[in-house]
Amino acid sequence: MTSLAFENVSVQYDGRTAVHGFTDTIKPGEWLCIIGPNGAGKSSLLRAITGVTPHGGRILVDGSPLTARSSRRRAQLIAYVPQSPVLPSGMTGAEYVLLGRNPFVTHFGHESALDHSMVNDVISRLDLADLAQRDVDTLSGGERQRLVIARAIAQEAPILLLDEPTSALDIGHQQQALELVDKLRREHGLTVVSAMHDLTLAGIYSDRLALMHAGHRVAHGPAEDVLRAETLGEFYGVSVRVHREDDGTIVVVPNRTSLR
């Protein structure tokens, strides 16, 4: 079980600050979902964790700076589902998912029987058998996204980063993917950080929400504290109704502002 901490993390692009002094600690097995309008800094923060984007401040894994880890060790610790994934041409779906095992394959080595077994299990659990032998170039955006999620899960890293993981999926596959992530974190202590636009799904699956606006964290806490009509109206500029279901689910519904 692995913790992830941010100490005054900032991200800049060409002199513009995309993330201002983000500080938080995600406990082992916890799911933090980052929400906010476009351009709020959600993706920038996730990319800083992966090392793709330079950052100020410190990002710690189990108390040690992530920058002190080798790229190989970082890949063993962190799996990442990007918002706009690019899949290499000329591979089958199963071959792509198998790439998730690369951080654990020795130089000049080959994937083991255990690696193949693990990939087959993930393909089965995400109902991807019909994509396993298809060329990735022939797949739709939603089908590609499902494979990207499968590759990240097959990586078996203790920290999983999800950047809009369900944006290209239909409602059935959204639920299927998020339920599997939730099951894995509960069974194996997976630490999850996601960025999501669907506020209802964000509230259902995460333990805590962090609302970002213009690079600043402006609200954080459980869904019932963050998903308030007045808060969303202020930072998203929208009119919504927020309902609390009998089971505690927070549902966000947009109000129509124009007449038929």
C-alpha atoms as a PDB file:
ATOM      1  CA  MET A   1       0.000   0.000   0.000  1.00  0.00           C
ATOM      2  CA  THR A   2       1.423   3.327  -1.127  1.00  0.00           C
ATOM      3  CA  SER A   3       0.764   6.946  -0.184  1.00  0.00           C
ATOM      4  CA  LEU A   4       1.128   9.973  -2.448  1.00  0.00           C
ATOM      5  CA  ALA A   5       1.735  13.503  -1.188  1.00  0.00           C
ATOM      6  CA  PHE A   6       1.956  16.942  -2.804  1.00  0.00           C
ATOM      7  CA  GLU A   7       3.933  19.697  -1.115  1.00  0.00           C
ATOM      8  CA  ASN A   8       3.302  23.126  -2.650  1.00  0.00           C
ATOM      9  CA  VAL A   9       3.360  21.704  -6.201  1.00  0.00           C
ATOM     10  CA  SER A  10       3.269  24.221  -9.036  1.00  0.00           C
ATOM     11  CA  VAL A  11       3.346  23.805 -12.820  1.00  0.00           C
ATOM     12  CA  GLN A  12       4.229  26.478 -15.361  1.00  0.00           C
ATOM     13  CA  TYR A  13       4.061  26.647 -19.145  1.00  0.00           C
ATOM     14  CA  ASP A  14       5.863  29.482 -20.957  1.00  0.00           C
ATOM     15  CA  GLY A  15       5.665  31.726 -17.936  1.00  0.00           C
ATOM     16  CA  ARG A  16       1.989  30.957 -17.247  1.00  0.00           C
ATOM     17  CA  THR A  17       1.205  29.165 -13.997  1.00  0.00           C
ATOM     18  CA  ALA A  18      -1.175  26.233 -14.564  1.00  0.00           C
ATOM     19  CA  VAL A  19      -1.053  24.916 -10.977  1.00  0.00           C
ATOM     20  CA  HIS A  20      -0.491  27.128  -7.920  1.00  0.00           C
ATOM     21  CA  GLY A  21       0.935  25.559  -4.753  1.00  0.00           C
ATOM     22  CA  PHE A  22      -1.144  22.377  -4.634  1.00  0.00           C
ATOM     23  CA  THR A  23      -0.795  20.540  -1.305  1.00  0.00           C
ATOM     24  CA  ASP A  24      -2.554  17.317  -0.338  1.00  0.00           C
ATOM     25  CA  THR A  25      -1.895  13.792   0.920  1.00  0.00           C
ATOM     26  CA  ILE A  26      -3.641  10.752  -0.537  1.00  0.00           C
ATOM     27  CA  LYS A  27      -3.580   7.882   1.902  1.00  0.00           C
ATOM     28  CA  PRO A  28      -2.883   4.304   0.771  1.00  0.00           C
ATOM     29  CA  GLY A  29      -6.048   2.877  -0.764  1.00  0.00           C
ATOM     30  CA  GLU A  30      -7.727   6.279  -1.052  1.00  0.00           C
ATOM     31  CA  TRP A  31      -9.339   7.676  -4.214  1.00  0.00           C
ATOM     32  CA  LEU A  32      -8.969  11.426  -4.769  1.00  0.00           C
ATOM     33  CA  CYS A  33     -10.854  12.880  -7.724  1.00  0.00           C
ATOM     34  CA  ILE A  34      -9.810  16.265  -9.069  1.00  0.00           C
ATOM     35  CA  ILE A  35     -12.638  18.236 -10.649  1.00  0.00           C
ATOM     36  CA  GLY A  36     -12.895  21.672 -12.185  1.00  0.00           C
ATOM     37  CA  PRO A  37     -13.634  23.446 -15.462  1.00  0.00           C
ATOM     38  CA  ASN A  38     -11.430  23.192 -18.542  1.00  0.00           C
ATOM     39  CA  GLY A  39      -8.049  24.797 -17.961  1.00  0.00           C
ATOM     40  CA  ALA A  40      -8.256  24.454 -14.179  1.00  0.00           C
ATOM     41  CA  GLY A  41      -4.947  22.550 -13.965  1.00  0.00           C
ATOM     42  CA  LYS A  42      -6.238  18.998 -13.457  1.00  0.00           C
ATOM     43  CA  SER A  43      -4.274  17.334 -16.269  1.00  0.00           C
ATOM     44  CA  SER A  44      -1.169  19.404 -15.524  1.00  0.00           C
ATOM     45  CA  LEU A  45      -1.132  18.092 -11.970  1.00  0.00           C
ATOM     46  CA  LEU A  46      -1.418  14.468 -13.129  1.00  0.00           C
ATOM     47  CA  ARG A  47       1.324  14.925 -15.717  1.00  0.00           C
ATOM     48  CA  ALA A  48       3.582  16.382 -13.018  1.00  0.00           C
ATOM     49  CA  ILE A  49       3.232  13.127 -11.067  1.00  0.00           C
ATOM     50  CA  THR A  50       4.327  11.090 -14.076  1.00  0.00           C
ATOM     51  CA  GLY A  51       7.372  13.288 -14.633  1.00  0.00           C
ATOM     52  CA  VAL A  52       6.217  14.300 -18.118  1.00  0.00           C
ATOM     53  CA  THR A  53       5.720  17.900 -16.968  1.00  0.00           C
ATOM     54  CA  PRO A  54       8.344  19.738 -14.872  1.00  0.00           C
ATOM     55  CA  HIS A  55       7.059  21.085 -11.574  1.00  0.00           C
ATOM     56  CA  GLY A  56       8.019  23.050  -8.508  1.00  0.00           C
ATOM     57  CA  GLY A  57       7.503  21.813  -4.976  1.00  0.00           C
ATOM     58  CA  ARG A  58       7.713  18.156  -4.071  1.00  0.00           C
ATOM     59  CA  ILE A  59       5.759  15.021  -4.936  1.00  0.00           C
ATOM     60  CA  LEU A  60       6.384  12.211  -2.459  1.00  0.00           C
ATOM     61  CA  VAL A  61       5.663   8.497  -2.649  1.00  0.00           C
ATOM     62  CA  ASP A  62       5.726   6.862   0.790  1.00  0.00           C
ATOM     63  CA  GLY A  63       7.554   9.924   2.066  1.00  0.00           C
ATOM     64  CA  SER A  64      10.363   9.876  -0.523  1.00  0.00           C
ATOM     65  CA  PRO A  65      10.654  12.407  -3.389  1.00  0.00           C
ATOM     66  CA  LEU A  66       9.484  10.934  -6.661  1.00  0.00           C
ATOM     67  CA  THR A  67      12.276  12.735  -8.504  1.00  0.00           C
ATOM     68  CA  ALA A  68      14.785  10.523  -6.671  1.00  0.00           C
ATOM     69  CA  ARG A  69      13.377   7.416  -8.377  1.00  0.00           C
ATOM     70  CA  SER A  70      14.619   6.095 -11.698  1.00  0.00           C
ATOM     71  CA  SER A  71      12.225   6.172 -14.649  1.00  0.00           C
ATOM     72  CA  ARG A  72      11.929   2.391 -14.450  1.00  0.00           C
ATOM     73  CA  ARG A  73      11.099   2.454 -10.744  1.00  0.00           C
ATOM     74  CA  ARG A  74       8.600   5.265 -11.333  1.00  0.00           C
ATOM     75  CA  ALA A  75       6.864   3.117 -13.954  1.00  0.00           C
ATOM     76  CA  GLN A  76       6.644   0.309 -11.414  1.00  0.00           C
ATOM     77  CA  LEU A  77       5.005   2.664  -8.923  1.00  0.00           C
ATOM     78  CA  ILE A  78       2.677   4.689 -11.151  1.00  0.00           C
ATOM     79  CA  ALA A  79       0.321   3.710 -13.952  1.00  0.00           C
ATOM     80  CA  TYR A  80      -1.189   6.515 -16.036  1.00  0.00           C
ATOM     81  CA  VAL A  81      -4.241   6.723 -18.276  1.00  0.00           C
ATOM     82  CA  PRO A  82      -3.863   9.964 -20.296  1.00  0.00           C
ATOM     83  CA  GLN A  83      -6.761  12.042 -21.543  1.00  0.00           C
ATOM     84  CA  SER A  84      -5.809  11.623 -25.223  1.00  0.00           C
ATOM     85  CA  PRO A  85      -3.891   8.347 -25.508  1.00  0.00           C
ATOM     86  CA  VAL A  86      -1.857   7.503 -28.601  1.00  0.00           C
ATOM     87  CA  LEU A  87      -1.603   3.787 -29.346  1.00  0.00           C
ATOM     88  CA  PRO A  88       1.300   2.437 -31.439  1.00  0.00           C
ATOM     89  CA  SER A  89       0.308   1.144 -34.864  1.00  0.00           C
ATOM     90  CA  GLY A  90       0.585  -2.475 -35.924  1.00  0.00           C
ATOM     91  CA  MET A  91      -0.309  -4.069 -32.584  1.00  0.00           C
ATOM     92  CA  THR A  92      -3.211  -6.203 -31.502  1.00  0.00           C
ATOM     93  CA  GLY A  93      -5.268  -5.218 -28.488  1.00  0.00           C
ATOM     94  CA  ALA A  94      -3.702  -7.983 -26.385  1.00  0.00           C
ATOM     95  CA  GLU A  95      -0.168  -6.934 -27.385  1.00  0.00           C
ATOM     96  CA  TYR A  96      -0.936  -3.378 -26.332  1.00  0.00           C
ATOM     97  CA  VAL A  97      -2.281  -4.408 -22.932  1.00  0.00           C
ATOM     98  CA  LEU A  98       0.850  -6.534 -22.461  1.00  0.00           C
ATOM     99  CA  LEU A  99       2.922  -3.325 -22.640  1.00  0.00           C
ATOM    100  CA  GLY A 100       1.715  -2.693 -19.102  1.00  0.00           C
ATOM    101  CA  ARG A 101       4.096  -5.410 -17.938  1.00  0.00           C
ATOM    102  CA  ASN A 102       7.203  -3.740 -19.460  1.00  0.00           C
ATOM    103  CA  PRO A 103       8.426  -2.122 -16.202  1.00  0.00           C
ATOM    104  CA  PHE A 104       8.852  -5.604 -14.731  1.00  0.00           C
ATOM    105  CA  VAL A 105      10.610  -7.251 -17.693  1.00  0.00           C
ATOM    106  CA  THR A 106      14.390  -7.384 -17.397  1.00  0.00           C
ATOM    107  CA  HIS A 107      16.616  -5.979 -20.127  1.00  0.00           C
ATOM    108  CA  PHE A 108      16.742  -8.426 -23.066  1.00  0.00           C
ATOM    109  CA  GLY A 109      14.120 -10.497 -21.240  1.00  0.00           C
ATOM    110  CA  HIS A 110      10.637 -11.589 -22.249  1.00  0.00           C
ATOM    111  CA  GLU A 111       7.246 -11.446 -20.615  1.00  0.00           C
ATOM    112  CA  SER A 112       6.649 -14.430 -18.367  1.00  0.00           C
ATOM    113  CA  ALA A 113       3.724 -16.828 -18.282  1.00  0.00           C
ATOM    114  CA  LEU A 114       2.525 -14.888 -15.239  1.00  0.00           C
ATOM    115  CA  ASP A 115       2.575 -11.640 -17.242  1.00  0.00           C
ATOM    116  CA  HIS A 116       0.465 -13.207 -19.998  1.00  0.00           C
ATOM    117  CA  SER A 117      -1.904 -14.708 -17.459  1.00  0.00           C
ATOM    118  CA  MET A 118      -2.368 -11.341 -15.777  1.00  0.00           C
ATOM    119  CA  VAL A 119      -3.107  -9.648 -19.095  1.00  0.00           C
ATOM    120  CA  ASN A 120      -5.633 -12.323 -20.014  1.00  0.00           C
ATOM    121  CA  ASP A 121      -7.350 -11.826 -16.662  1.00  0.00           C
ATOM    122  CA  VAL A 122      -7.647  -8.063 -17.160  1.00  0.00           C
ATOM    123  CA  ILE A 123      -8.937  -8.550 -20.715  1.00  0.00           C
ATOM    124  CA  SER A 124     -11.584 -10.912 -19.363  1.00  0.00           C
ATOM    125  CA  ARG A 125     -12.608  -8.661 -16.471  1.00  0.00           C
ATOM    126  CA  LEU A 126     -13.010  -5.657 -18.767  1.00  0.00           C
ATOM    127  CA  ASP A 127     -14.850  -7.708 -21.408  1.00  0.00           C
ATOM    128  CA  LEU A 128     -12.194  -7.032 -24.056  1.00  0.00           C
ATOM    129  CA  ALA A 129     -11.966 -10.476 -25.650  1.00  0.00           C
ATOM    130  CA  ASP A 130     -13.480  -9.155 -28.877  1.00  0.00           C
ATOM    131  CA  LEU A 131     -10.682  -6.554 -29.124  1.00  0.00           C
ATOM    132  CA  ALA A 132      -7.754  -8.755 -28.118  1.00  0.00           C
ATOM    133  CA  GLN A 133      -6.841  -9.928 -31.622  1.00  0.00           C
ATOM    134  CA  ARG A 134      -7.895  -6.825 -33.521  1.00  0.00           C
ATOM    135  CA  ASP A 135      -5.370  -4.305 -34.833  1.00  0.00           C
ATOM    136  CA  VAL A 136      -5.517  -1.190 -32.661  1.00  0.00           C
ATOM    137  CA  ASP A 137      -5.645   0.927 -35.829  1.00  0.00           C
ATOM    138  CA  THR A 138      -9.125  -0.430 -36.543  1.00  0.00           C
ATOM    139  CA  LEU A 139     -10.605   0.476 -33.156  1.00  0.00           C
ATOM    140  CA  SER A 140     -12.939   3.312 -32.231  1.00  0.00           C
ATOM    141  CA  GLY A 141     -11.987   5.949 -29.692  1.00  0.00           C
ATOM    142  CA  GLY A 142     -13.996   4.243 -26.984  1.00  0.00           C
ATOM    143  CA  GLU A 143     -12.461   0.844 -27.738  1.00  0.00           C
ATOM    144  CA  ARG A 144      -8.971   2.332 -27.587  1.00  0.00           C
ATOM    145  CA  GLN A 145      -9.762   3.967 -24.253  1.00  0.00           C
ATOM    146  CA  ARG A 146     -10.844   0.638 -22.812  1.00  0.00           C
ATOM    147  CA  LEU A 147      -7.512  -0.901 -23.857  1.00  0.00           C
ATOM    148  CA  VAL A 148      -5.578   1.987 -22.290  1.00  0.00           C
ATOM    149  CA  ILE A 149      -7.366   1.426 -18.984  1.00  0.00           C
ATOM    150  CA  ALA A 150      -6.637  -2.305 -19.260  1.00  0.00           C
ATOM    151  CA  ARG A 151      -2.927  -1.657 -19.884  1.00  0.00           C
ATOM    152  CA  ALA A 152      -2.738   0.577 -16.814  1.00  0.00           C
ATOM    153  CA  ILE A 153      -4.462  -2.029 -14.626  1.00  0.00           C
ATOM    154  CA  ALA A 154      -2.207  -4.788 -15.989  1.00  0.00           C
ATOM    155  CA  GLN A 155       0.779  -2.690 -14.913  1.00  0.00           C
ATOM    156  CA  GLU A 156      -0.149  -3.487 -11.284  1.00  0.00           C
ATOM    157  CA  ALA A 157       1.375  -0.263 -10.018  1.00  0.00           C
ATOM    158  CA  PRO A 158       0.239   0.733  -6.516  1.00  0.00           C
ATOM    159  CA  ILE A 159      -0.684   4.244  -7.744  1.00  0.00           C
ATOM    160  CA  LEU A 160      -3.143   4.688 -10.618  1.00  0.00           C
ATOM    161  CA  LEU A 161      -3.642   8.040 -12.359  1.00  0.00           C
ATOM    162  CA  LEU A 162      -6.758   8.463 -14.497  1.00  0.00           C
ATOM    163  CA  ASP A 163      -7.201  11.564 -16.671  1.00  0.00           C
ATOM    164  CA  GLU A 164     -10.815  11.615 -17.927  1.00  0.00           C
ATOM    165  CA  PRO A 165     -10.787   7.796 -18.179  1.00  0.00           C
ATOM    166  CA  THR A 166     -14.443   7.452 -19.192  1.00  0.00           C
ATOM    167  CA  SER A 167     -14.885  10.405 -21.562  1.00  0.00           C
ATOM    168  CA  ALA A 168     -15.047   8.194 -24.665  1.00  0.00           C
ATOM    169  CA  LEU A 169     -16.973   5.307 -23.080  1.00  0.00           C
ATOM    170  CA  ASP A 170     -20.676   4.509 -23.138  1.00  0.00           C
ATOM    171  CA  ILE A 171     -22.447   4.364 -19.794  1.00  0.00           C
ATOM    172  CA  GLY A 172     -22.096   0.581 -19.469  1.00  0.00           C
ATOM    173  CA  HIS A 173     -18.350   0.567 -20.031  1.00  0.00           C
ATOM    174  CA  GLN A 174     -17.944   3.616 -17.794  1.00  0.00           C
ATOM    175  CA  GLN A 175     -19.456   1.697 -14.915  1.00  0.00           C
ATOM    176  CA  GLN A 176     -17.544  -1.474 -15.752  1.00  0.00           C
ATOM    177  CA  ALA A 177     -14.162   0.286 -15.772  1.00  0.00           C
ATOM    178  CA  LEU A 178     -14.760   2.352 -12.629  1.00  0.00           C
ATOM    179  CA  GLU A 179     -16.170  -0.618 -10.716  1.00  0.00           C
ATOM    180  CA  LEU A 180     -13.054  -2.646 -11.524  1.00  0.00           C
ATOM    181  CA  VAL A 181     -10.756   0.176 -10.387  1.00  0.00           C
ATOM    182  CA  ASP A 182     -12.787   0.512  -7.182  1.00  0.00           C
ATOM    183  CA  LYS A 183     -12.674  -3.248  -6.586  1.00  0.00           C
ATOM    184  CA  LEU A 184      -8.888  -3.348  -7.082  1.00  0.00           C
ATOM    185  CA  ARG A 185      -8.259  -0.479  -4.687  1.00  0.00           C
ATOM    186  CA  ARG A 186     -10.405  -2.083  -2.020  1.00  0.00           C
ATOM    187  CA  GLU A 187      -8.814  -5.512  -2.457  1.00  0.00           C
ATOM    188  CA  HIS A 188      -5.201  -4.435  -2.972  1.00  0.00           C
ATOM    189  CA  GLY A 189      -4.948  -0.958  -1.457  1.00  0.00           C
ATOM    190  CA  LEU A 190      -4.573   0.760  -4.836  1.00  0.00           C
ATOM    191  CA  THR A 191      -4.133   4.534  -4.466  1.00  0.00           C
ATOM    192  CA  VAL A 192      -6.105   6.376  -7.158  1.00  0.00           C
ATOM    193  CA  VAL A 193      -5.986   9.968  -8.394  1.00  0.00           C
ATOM    194  CA  SER A 194      -8.389  10.844 -11.187  1.00  0.00           C
ATOM    195  CA  ALA A 195      -9.502  13.918 -13.093  1.00  0.00           C
ATOM    196  CA  MET A 196     -13.117  13.753 -14.206  1.00  0.00           C
ATOM    197  CA  HIS A 197     -15.731  16.046 -15.739  1.00  0.00           C
ATOM    198  CA  ASP A 198     -18.702  13.864 -14.801  1.00  0.00           C
ATOM    199  CA  LEU A 199     -19.404  15.217 -11.329  1.00  0.00           C
ATOM    200  CA  THR A 200     -21.923  12.537 -10.390  1.00  0.00           C
ATOM    201  CA  LEU A 201     -19.488   9.719 -11.230  1.00  0.00           C
ATOM    202  CA  ALA A 202     -16.701  11.598  -9.443  1.00  0.00           C
ATOM    203  CA  GLY A 203     -18.791  11.767  -6.302  1.00  0.00           C
ATOM    204  CA  ILE A 204     -19.907   8.140  -6.492  1.00  0.00           C
ATOM    205  CA  TYR A 205     -16.487   6.530  -6.793  1.00  0.00           C
ATOM    206  CA  SER A 206     -14.030   8.810  -4.994  1.00  0.00           C
ATOM    207  CA  ASP A 207     -13.443   9.205  -1.278  1.00  0.00           C
ATOM    208  CA  ARG A 208     -12.666  12.892  -1.622  1.00  0.00           C
ATOM    209  CA  LEU A 209     -12.932  15.622  -4.227  1.00  0.00           C
ATOM    210  CA  ALA A 210     -10.535  18.489  -4.898  1.00  0.00           C
ATOM    211  CA  LEU A 211     -12.110  21.314  -6.897  1.00  0.00           C
ATOM    212  CA  MET A 212      -9.608  23.347  -8.924  1.00  0.00           C
ATOM    213  CA  HIS A 213     -10.155  26.698 -10.604  1.00  0.00           C
ATOM    214  CA  ALA A 214      -7.515  28.682 -12.503  1.00  0.00           C
ATOM    215  CA  GLY A 215      -4.779  26.476 -11.026  1.00  0.00           C
ATOM    216  CA  HIS A 216      -5.878  26.871  -7.410  1.00  0.00           C
ATOM    217  CA  ARG A 217      -7.564  24.314  -5.183  1.00  0.00           C
ATOM    218  CA  VAL A 218     -10.676  26.176  -4.105  1.00  0.00           C
ATOM    219  CA  ALA A 219     -12.603  23.421  -2.295  1.00  0.00           C
ATOM    220  CA  HIS A 220     -11.927  19.901  -1.070  1.00  0.00           C
ATOM    221  CA  GLY A 221     -13.589  17.210   0.970  1.00  0.00           C
ATOM    222  CA  PRO A 222     -16.303  14.568   0.557  1.00  0.00           C
ATOM    223  CA  ALA A 223     -18.807  14.916  -2.269  1.00  0.00           C
ATOM    224  CA  GLU A 224     -21.574  16.327  -0.084  1.00  0.00           C
ATOM    225  CA  ASP A 225     -19.292  19.200   0.955  1.00  0.00           C
ATOM    226  CA  VAL A 226     -17.920  20.046  -2.503  1.00  0.00           C
ATOM    227  CA  LEU A 227     -20.811  19.293  -4.863  1.00  0.00           C
ATOM    228  CA  ARG A 228     -23.019  22.161  -3.780  1.00  0.00           C
ATOM    229  CA  ALA A 229     -25.104  24.156  -6.244  1.00  0.00           C
ATOM    230  CA  GLU A 230     -23.669  27.487  -5.112  1.00  0.00           C
ATOM    231  CA  THR A 231     -20.065  26.228  -5.267  1.00  0.00           C
ATOM    232  CA  LEU A 232     -20.476  24.748  -8.741  1.00  0.00           C
ATOM    233  CA  GLY A 233     -22.267  27.873  -9.904  1.00  0.00           C
ATOM    234  CA  GLU A 234     -19.397  30.064  -8.724  1.00  0.00           C
ATOM    235  CA  PHE A 235     -16.532  28.100 -10.256  1.00  0.00           C
ATOM    236  CA  TYR A 236     -18.156  26.456 -13.294  1.00  0.00           C
ATOM    237  CA  GLY A 237     -20.488  29.317 -14.129  1.00  0.00           C
ATOM    238  CA  VAL A 238     -23.476  26.984 -14.405  1.00  0.00           C
ATOM    239  CA  SER A 239     -26.929  26.590 -12.933  1.00  0.00           C
ATOM    240  CA  VAL A 240     -27.436  23.114 -11.450  1.00  0.00           C
ATOM    241  CA  ARG A 241     -29.579  21.188  -9.007  1.00  0.00           C
ATOM    242  CA  VAL A 242     -27.869  18.859  -6.548  1.00  0.00           C
ATOM    243  CA  HIS A 243     -29.827  15.894  -5.185  1.00  0.00           C
ATOM    244  CA  ARG A 244     -28.873  13.499  -2.415  1.00  0.00           C
ATOM    245  CA  GLU A 245     -30.281  10.024  -3.000  1.00  0.00           C
ATOM    246  CA  ASP A 246     -31.379   7.699  -0.194  1.00  0.00           C
ATOM    247  CA  ASP A 247     -28.120   5.756  -0.468  1.00  0.00           C
ATOM    248  CA  GLY A 248     -26.073   8.955  -0.109  1.00  0.00           C
ATOM    249  CA  THR A 249     -25.269   9.359  -3.819  1.00  0.00           C
ATOM    250  CA  ILE A 250     -24.900  12.993  -4.856  1.00  0.00           C
ATOM    251  CA  VAL A 251     -26.453  13.673  -8.278  1.00  0.00           C
ATOM    252  CA  VAL A 252     -25.704  16.881 -10.189  1.00  0.00           C
ATOM    253  CA  VAL A 253     -28.350  17.900 -12.742  1.00  0.00           C
ATOM    254  CA  PRO A 254     -27.994  20.960 -15.030  1.00  0.00           C
ATOM    255  CA  ASN A 255     -30.877  23.415 -15.086  1.00  0.00           C
ATOM    256  CA  ARG A 256     -32.196  24.564 -18.414  1.00  0.00           C
ATOM    257  CA  THR A 257     -31.720  28.299 -18.774  1.00  0.00           C
ATOM    258  CA  SER A 258     -33.613  28.751 -22.040  1.00  0.00           C
ATOM    259  CA  LEU A 259     -37.212  28.080 -22.992  1.00  0.00           C
ATOM    260  CA  ARG A 260     -38.316  25.791 -25.779  1.00  0.00           C
END
